[in-house]
Amino acid sequence: VQLQASGGGLVQAGGSLRLSCATSGVTFSRYTMAWFRQGPGKDREFVAAIRWTSSSHYTDSVKGRFTITRDNAKNTVYLQMNSLRPEDTAVYYCAAGVPITTAVRSTRGYRYWGQGTQVTVSS
């Protein structure tokens, strides 16, 4: 199983980035896909998730700014990030799993992880 995250970079506050996570080795359409992030000196935290039904979940701090989508034909999940803030600076990880409802926002709900992509937002 491979999850390959890409699209990170350096952007000014207010700017946008689009992260991608291409997967292989799993039946992508059956999995919930998620993005987590880990800032310097912080624990890994939930950002967004999208179920196979395309229902989505977001952490409060990114609602209205970030959008998670999936393309089952391409086995890829995306995270469109707009109005970026310095506090969004982190390594962003994609993850795949079949979490129960109460675990959608927990790292424990996901079995497979990508390698991470750095997002840096300058003020």
N, C-alpha and C. Protein backbone atom coordinates (compact mmCIF):
# COMPACT_ATOMS: atom_id res chain seq x y z
N VAL A 1 0.85 -1.19 0.00
CA VAL A 1 0.00 0.00 0.00
C VAL A 1 0.89 1.24 0.00
N GLN A 2 0.58 2.16 -0.89
CA GLN A 2 1.33 3.41 -0.95
C GLN A 2 0.39 4.60 -1.01
N LEU A 3 0.69 5.62 -0.20
CA LEU A 3 0.01 6.90 -0.27
C LEU A 3 1.09 7.94 -0.52
N GLN A 4 0.99 8.64 -1.61
CA GLN A 4 2.00 9.61 -2.01
C GLN A 4 1.40 11.01 -1.99
N ALA A 5 1.78 11.79 -0.99
CA ALA A 5 1.27 13.16 -0.86
C ALA A 5 2.18 14.13 -1.60
N SER A 6 1.58 15.15 -2.18
CA SER A 6 2.34 16.18 -2.89
C SER A 6 1.57 17.48 -2.88
N GLY A 7 2.24 18.55 -3.31
CA GLY A 7 1.58 19.83 -3.45
C GLY A 7 1.91 20.85 -2.39
N GLY A 8 2.69 20.46 -1.39
CA GLY A 8 3.06 21.42 -0.37
C GLY A 8 4.01 22.47 -0.91
N GLY A 9 4.29 23.48 -0.08
CA GLY A 9 5.21 24.52 -0.49
C GLY A 9 5.15 25.70 0.43
N LEU A 10 5.76 26.79 -0.02
CA LEU A 10 5.80 28.04 0.73
C LEU A 10 4.84 29.02 0.07
N VAL A 11 3.97 29.61 0.89
CA VAL A 11 2.98 30.54 0.36
C VAL A 11 2.79 31.67 1.37
N GLN A 12 2.42 32.83 0.89
CA GLN A 12 2.13 33.94 1.78
C GLN A 12 0.74 33.79 2.38
N ALA A 13 0.56 34.41 3.53
CA ALA A 13 -0.75 34.40 4.18
C ALA A 13 -1.80 34.94 3.20
N GLY A 14 -2.94 34.26 3.18
CA GLY A 14 -4.00 34.61 2.25
C GLY A 14 -3.95 33.85 0.95
N GLY A 15 -2.86 33.15 0.72
CA GLY A 15 -2.70 32.41 -0.51
C GLY A 15 -3.37 31.04 -0.47
N SER A 16 -3.15 30.27 -1.52
CA SER A 16 -3.79 28.97 -1.68
C SER A 16 -2.78 27.91 -2.10
N LEU A 17 -3.08 26.68 -1.71
CA LEU A 17 -2.35 25.50 -2.15
C LEU A 17 -3.33 24.37 -2.34
N ARG A 18 -2.98 23.44 -3.19
CA ARG A 18 -3.79 22.24 -3.38
C ARG A 18 -2.92 21.02 -3.15
N LEU A 19 -3.25 20.26 -2.14
CA LEU A 19 -2.53 19.03 -1.86
C LEU A 19 -3.21 17.87 -2.57
N SER A 20 -2.39 16.91 -2.98
CA SER A 20 -2.90 15.69 -3.61
C SER A 20 -2.31 14.49 -2.88
N CYS A 21 -3.05 13.40 -2.89
CA CYS A 21 -2.56 12.15 -2.29
C CYS A 21 -3.00 11.01 -3.21
N ALA A 22 -2.06 10.47 -3.93
CA ALA A 22 -2.33 9.35 -4.83
C ALA A 22 -2.10 8.04 -4.09
N THR A 23 -3.03 7.13 -4.23
CA THR A 23 -2.94 5.87 -3.50
C THR A 23 -2.83 4.69 -4.46
N SER A 24 -2.24 3.62 -3.98
CA SER A 24 -2.17 2.37 -4.72
C SER A 24 -2.12 1.23 -3.73
N GLY A 25 -2.62 0.07 -4.18
CA GLY A 25 -2.57 -1.11 -3.33
C GLY A 25 -3.77 -1.30 -2.44
N VAL A 26 -4.75 -0.40 -2.53
CA VAL A 26 -5.98 -0.53 -1.77
C VAL A 26 -7.16 -0.29 -2.70
N THR A 27 -8.33 -0.80 -2.28
CA THR A 27 -9.55 -0.50 -3.03
C THR A 27 -10.00 0.88 -2.58
N PHE A 28 -9.49 1.87 -3.28
CA PHE A 28 -9.61 3.27 -2.85
C PHE A 28 -11.04 3.66 -2.55
N SER A 29 -11.97 3.24 -3.40
CA SER A 29 -13.35 3.71 -3.28
C SER A 29 -14.02 3.24 -1.99
N ARG A 30 -13.46 2.25 -1.33
CA ARG A 30 -14.06 1.72 -0.10
C ARG A 30 -13.52 2.40 1.16
N TYR A 31 -12.50 3.20 1.02
CA TYR A 31 -11.84 3.77 2.17
C TYR A 31 -12.25 5.22 2.45
N THR A 32 -12.29 5.55 3.72
CA THR A 32 -12.33 6.94 4.13
C THR A 32 -10.92 7.50 4.00
N MET A 33 -10.82 8.65 3.37
CA MET A 33 -9.53 9.32 3.20
C MET A 33 -9.51 10.58 4.06
N ALA A 34 -8.36 10.85 4.63
CA ALA A 34 -8.27 11.99 5.54
C ALA A 34 -6.94 12.71 5.39
N TRP A 35 -6.94 13.94 5.86
CA TRP A 35 -5.72 14.73 5.99
C TRP A 35 -5.55 15.08 7.46
N PHE A 36 -4.35 14.89 7.94
CA PHE A 36 -3.93 15.33 9.26
C PHE A 36 -2.73 16.26 9.08
N ARG A 37 -2.40 17.00 10.12
CA ARG A 37 -1.21 17.85 10.06
C ARG A 37 -0.50 17.86 11.40
N GLN A 38 0.78 18.14 11.33
CA GLN A 38 1.59 18.20 12.55
C GLN A 38 2.51 19.39 12.46
N GLY A 39 2.22 20.38 13.30
CA GLY A 39 3.06 21.56 13.36
C GLY A 39 4.26 21.34 14.25
N PRO A 40 5.23 22.25 14.22
CA PRO A 40 6.44 22.11 15.05
C PRO A 40 6.10 22.01 16.53
N GLY A 41 6.56 20.95 17.15
CA GLY A 41 6.33 20.78 18.58
C GLY A 41 4.91 20.43 18.96
N LYS A 42 4.10 20.06 17.99
CA LYS A 42 2.69 19.77 18.27
C LYS A 42 2.36 18.32 17.93
N ASP A 43 1.24 17.86 18.48
CA ASP A 43 0.75 16.54 18.12
C ASP A 43 0.11 16.58 16.73
N ARG A 44 0.02 15.41 16.13
CA ARG A 44 -0.66 15.33 14.84
C ARG A 44 -2.16 15.56 15.06
N GLU A 45 -2.75 16.42 14.25
CA GLU A 45 -4.15 16.77 14.44
C GLU A 45 -4.95 16.56 13.16
N PHE A 46 -6.22 16.27 13.36
CA PHE A 46 -7.15 16.06 12.26
C PHE A 46 -7.42 17.37 11.52
N VAL A 47 -7.50 17.28 10.19
CA VAL A 47 -7.84 18.44 9.37
C VAL A 47 -9.18 18.21 8.66
N ALA A 48 -9.26 17.13 7.89
CA ALA A 48 -10.47 16.86 7.11
C ALA A 48 -10.51 15.39 6.71
N ALA A 49 -11.73 14.90 6.48
CA ALA A 49 -11.90 13.52 6.02
C ALA A 49 -13.06 13.46 5.05
N ILE A 50 -13.01 12.48 4.16
CA ILE A 50 -14.10 12.27 3.22
C ILE A 50 -14.36 10.77 3.10
N ARG A 51 -15.59 10.41 3.33
CA ARG A 51 -15.98 9.00 3.27
C ARG A 51 -16.21 8.55 1.82
N TRP A 52 -16.41 7.26 1.66
CA TRP A 52 -16.65 6.73 0.32
C TRP A 52 -17.95 7.30 -0.27
N THR A 53 -18.85 7.73 0.62
CA THR A 53 -20.10 8.35 0.18
C THR A 53 -19.90 9.80 -0.25
N SER A 54 -18.69 10.31 -0.04
CA SER A 54 -18.32 11.72 -0.27
C SER A 54 -18.82 12.66 0.81
N SER A 55 -19.37 12.13 1.88
CA SER A 55 -19.66 13.01 3.02
C SER A 55 -18.33 13.41 3.65
N SER A 56 -18.26 14.63 4.12
CA SER A 56 -16.98 15.16 4.59
C SER A 56 -17.08 15.73 6.00
N HIS A 57 -15.92 15.79 6.65
CA HIS A 57 -15.78 16.32 7.99
C HIS A 57 -14.59 17.26 8.01
N TYR A 58 -14.68 18.32 8.81
CA TYR A 58 -13.60 19.29 8.91
C TYR A 58 -13.39 19.68 10.36
N THR A 59 -12.16 19.97 10.70
CA THR A 59 -11.92 20.60 11.99
C THR A 59 -12.37 22.05 11.90
N ASP A 60 -12.80 22.60 13.02
CA ASP A 60 -13.44 23.93 13.00
C ASP A 60 -12.53 25.01 12.40
N SER A 61 -11.24 24.93 12.65
CA SER A 61 -10.35 26.01 12.24
C SER A 61 -10.18 26.12 10.73
N VAL A 62 -10.58 25.11 9.97
CA VAL A 62 -10.41 25.16 8.52
C VAL A 62 -11.73 25.23 7.77
N LYS A 63 -12.83 25.14 8.48
CA LYS A 63 -14.14 25.19 7.83
C LYS A 63 -14.29 26.51 7.06
N GLY A 64 -14.77 26.39 5.82
CA GLY A 64 -14.95 27.56 4.98
C GLY A 64 -13.70 27.97 4.23
N ARG A 65 -12.54 27.37 4.58
CA ARG A 65 -11.29 27.71 3.90
C ARG A 65 -10.72 26.51 3.14
N PHE A 66 -10.87 25.31 3.71
CA PHE A 66 -10.34 24.11 3.09
C PHE A 66 -11.49 23.26 2.54
N THR A 67 -11.21 22.55 1.45
CA THR A 67 -12.18 21.64 0.86
C THR A 67 -11.50 20.32 0.51
N ILE A 68 -12.05 19.22 1.01
CA ILE A 68 -11.53 17.90 0.68
C ILE A 68 -12.42 17.27 -0.38
N THR A 69 -11.80 16.70 -1.39
CA THR A 69 -12.53 16.01 -2.45
C THR A 69 -11.78 14.73 -2.80
N ARG A 70 -12.46 13.86 -3.53
CA ARG A 70 -11.82 12.62 -3.95
C ARG A 70 -12.22 12.30 -5.37
N ASP A 71 -11.31 11.65 -6.08
CA ASP A 71 -11.57 11.18 -7.44
C ASP A 71 -11.30 9.68 -7.43
N ASN A 72 -12.36 8.90 -7.35
CA ASN A 72 -12.20 7.45 -7.24
C ASN A 72 -11.61 6.84 -8.51
N ALA A 73 -11.81 7.49 -9.64
CA ALA A 73 -11.23 6.97 -10.89
C ALA A 73 -9.71 7.12 -10.90
N LYS A 74 -9.22 8.12 -10.18
CA LYS A 74 -7.77 8.36 -10.14
C LYS A 74 -7.14 7.91 -8.83
N ASN A 75 -7.96 7.32 -7.94
CA ASN A 75 -7.44 6.88 -6.63
C ASN A 75 -6.70 8.00 -5.90
N THR A 76 -7.28 9.19 -5.96
CA THR A 76 -6.60 10.36 -5.42
C THR A 76 -7.56 11.19 -4.57
N VAL A 77 -7.04 11.69 -3.47
CA VAL A 77 -7.78 12.62 -2.63
C VAL A 77 -7.06 13.97 -2.66
N TYR A 78 -7.82 15.04 -2.59
CA TYR A 78 -7.28 16.39 -2.68
C TYR A 78 -7.68 17.20 -1.45
N LEU A 79 -6.85 18.19 -1.16
CA LEU A 79 -7.19 19.17 -0.14
C LEU A 79 -6.90 20.55 -0.71
N GLN A 80 -7.96 21.27 -1.06
CA GLN A 80 -7.82 22.64 -1.54
C GLN A 80 -7.79 23.56 -0.32
N MET A 81 -6.72 24.31 -0.18
CA MET A 81 -6.54 25.17 0.98
C MET A 81 -6.49 26.62 0.52
N ASN A 82 -7.48 27.39 0.93
CA ASN A 82 -7.55 28.81 0.59
C ASN A 82 -7.41 29.65 1.86
N SER A 83 -7.16 30.92 1.66
CA SER A 83 -7.04 31.87 2.79
C SER A 83 -6.10 31.31 3.86
N LEU A 84 -4.97 30.85 3.43
CA LEU A 84 -4.03 30.23 4.36
C LEU A 84 -3.51 31.22 5.39
N ARG A 85 -3.27 30.71 6.58
CA ARG A 85 -2.79 31.49 7.71
C ARG A 85 -1.46 30.93 8.20
N PRO A 86 -0.65 31.73 8.86
CA PRO A 86 0.62 31.20 9.40
C PRO A 86 0.41 29.99 10.30
N GLU A 87 -0.70 29.95 11.02
CA GLU A 87 -0.96 28.82 11.92
C GLU A 87 -1.30 27.53 11.18
N ASP A 88 -1.47 27.60 9.86
CA ASP A 88 -1.67 26.39 9.06
C ASP A 88 -0.35 25.71 8.73
N THR A 89 0.76 26.35 9.06
CA THR A 89 2.07 25.79 8.79
C THR A 89 2.24 24.45 9.51
N ALA A 90 2.56 23.42 8.74
CA ALA A 90 2.68 22.07 9.30
C ALA A 90 3.10 21.11 8.20
N VAL A 91 3.45 19.91 8.61
CA VAL A 91 3.57 18.81 7.67
C VAL A 91 2.19 18.18 7.56
N TYR A 92 1.70 18.05 6.35
CA TYR A 92 0.37 17.50 6.11
C TYR A 92 0.50 16.04 5.65
N TYR A 93 -0.27 15.18 6.30
CA TYR A 93 -0.25 13.75 6.01
C TYR A 93 -1.61 13.29 5.50
N CYS A 94 -1.61 12.46 4.48
CA CYS A 94 -2.86 11.83 4.08
C CYS A 94 -2.92 10.44 4.70
N ALA A 95 -4.14 9.97 4.89
CA ALA A 95 -4.33 8.69 5.56
C ALA A 95 -5.55 7.99 4.97
N ALA A 96 -5.54 6.67 5.05
CA ALA A 96 -6.65 5.86 4.54
C ALA A 96 -7.05 4.86 5.62
N GLY A 97 -8.36 4.69 5.76
CA GLY A 97 -8.85 3.73 6.75
C GLY A 97 -10.34 3.53 6.63
N VAL A 98 -10.84 2.73 7.55
CA VAL A 98 -12.28 2.50 7.61
C VAL A 98 -12.72 2.77 9.05
N PRO A 99 -12.65 4.02 9.46
CA PRO A 99 -12.95 4.34 10.86
C PRO A 99 -14.44 4.30 11.17
N ILE A 100 -14.76 3.90 12.38
CA ILE A 100 -16.14 4.07 12.84
C ILE A 100 -16.39 5.56 13.01
N THR A 101 -17.64 5.93 13.12
CA THR A 101 -18.00 7.35 13.14
C THR A 101 -17.24 8.13 14.20
N THR A 102 -17.11 7.54 15.38
CA THR A 102 -16.45 8.26 16.48
C THR A 102 -14.94 8.35 16.30
N ALA A 103 -14.38 7.65 15.33
CA ALA A 103 -12.93 7.66 15.14
C ALA A 103 -12.50 8.37 13.86
N VAL A 104 -13.44 9.00 13.16
CA VAL A 104 -13.10 9.66 11.91
C VAL A 104 -12.03 10.73 12.12
N ARG A 105 -12.06 11.40 13.27
CA ARG A 105 -11.14 12.49 13.55
C ARG A 105 -9.91 12.06 14.34
N SER A 106 -9.75 10.75 14.52
CA SER A 106 -8.64 10.23 15.31
C SER A 106 -7.62 9.53 14.44
N THR A 107 -6.35 9.68 14.78
CA THR A 107 -5.32 8.96 14.04
C THR A 107 -5.53 7.45 14.15
N ARG A 108 -6.16 7.01 15.23
CA ARG A 108 -6.39 5.57 15.43
C ARG A 108 -7.35 4.99 14.40
N GLY A 109 -8.10 5.85 13.71
CA GLY A 109 -9.06 5.36 12.74
C GLY A 109 -8.46 5.00 11.39
N TYR A 110 -7.16 5.23 11.22
CA TYR A 110 -6.54 5.10 9.90
C TYR A 110 -5.36 4.14 9.93
N ARG A 111 -5.39 3.22 9.00
CA ARG A 111 -4.36 2.18 8.96
C ARG A 111 -3.17 2.57 8.10
N TYR A 112 -3.40 3.31 7.03
CA TYR A 112 -2.34 3.60 6.08
C TYR A 112 -2.06 5.11 6.05
N TRP A 113 -0.76 5.44 5.95
CA TRP A 113 -0.33 6.84 6.01
C TRP A 113 0.65 7.15 4.90
N GLY A 114 0.55 8.37 4.38
CA GLY A 114 1.53 8.86 3.44
C GLY A 114 2.73 9.45 4.17
N GLN A 115 3.69 9.93 3.40
CA GLN A 115 4.95 10.39 3.97
C GLN A 115 4.93 11.83 4.44
N GLY A 116 3.92 12.58 4.09
CA GLY A 116 3.83 13.97 4.52
C GLY A 116 4.37 14.94 3.49
N THR A 117 3.76 16.11 3.46
CA THR A 117 4.24 17.20 2.60
C THR A 117 4.20 18.50 3.40
N GLN A 118 5.28 19.27 3.32
CA GLN A 118 5.42 20.48 4.14
C GLN A 118 4.64 21.64 3.54
N VAL A 119 3.86 22.28 4.38
CA VAL A 119 3.18 23.52 4.02
C VAL A 119 3.68 24.61 4.95
N THR A 120 4.19 25.68 4.38
CA THR A 120 4.69 26.80 5.17
C THR A 120 3.99 28.07 4.70
N VAL A 121 3.36 28.75 5.65
CA VAL A 121 2.64 29.98 5.34
C VAL A 121 3.36 31.13 6.03
N SER A 122 3.83 32.06 5.26
CA SER A 122 4.55 33.21 5.82
C SER A 122 3.60 34.38 6.04
N SER A 123 3.92 35.14 7.08
CA SER A 123 3.05 36.28 7.42
C SER A 123 3.46 37.54 6.69
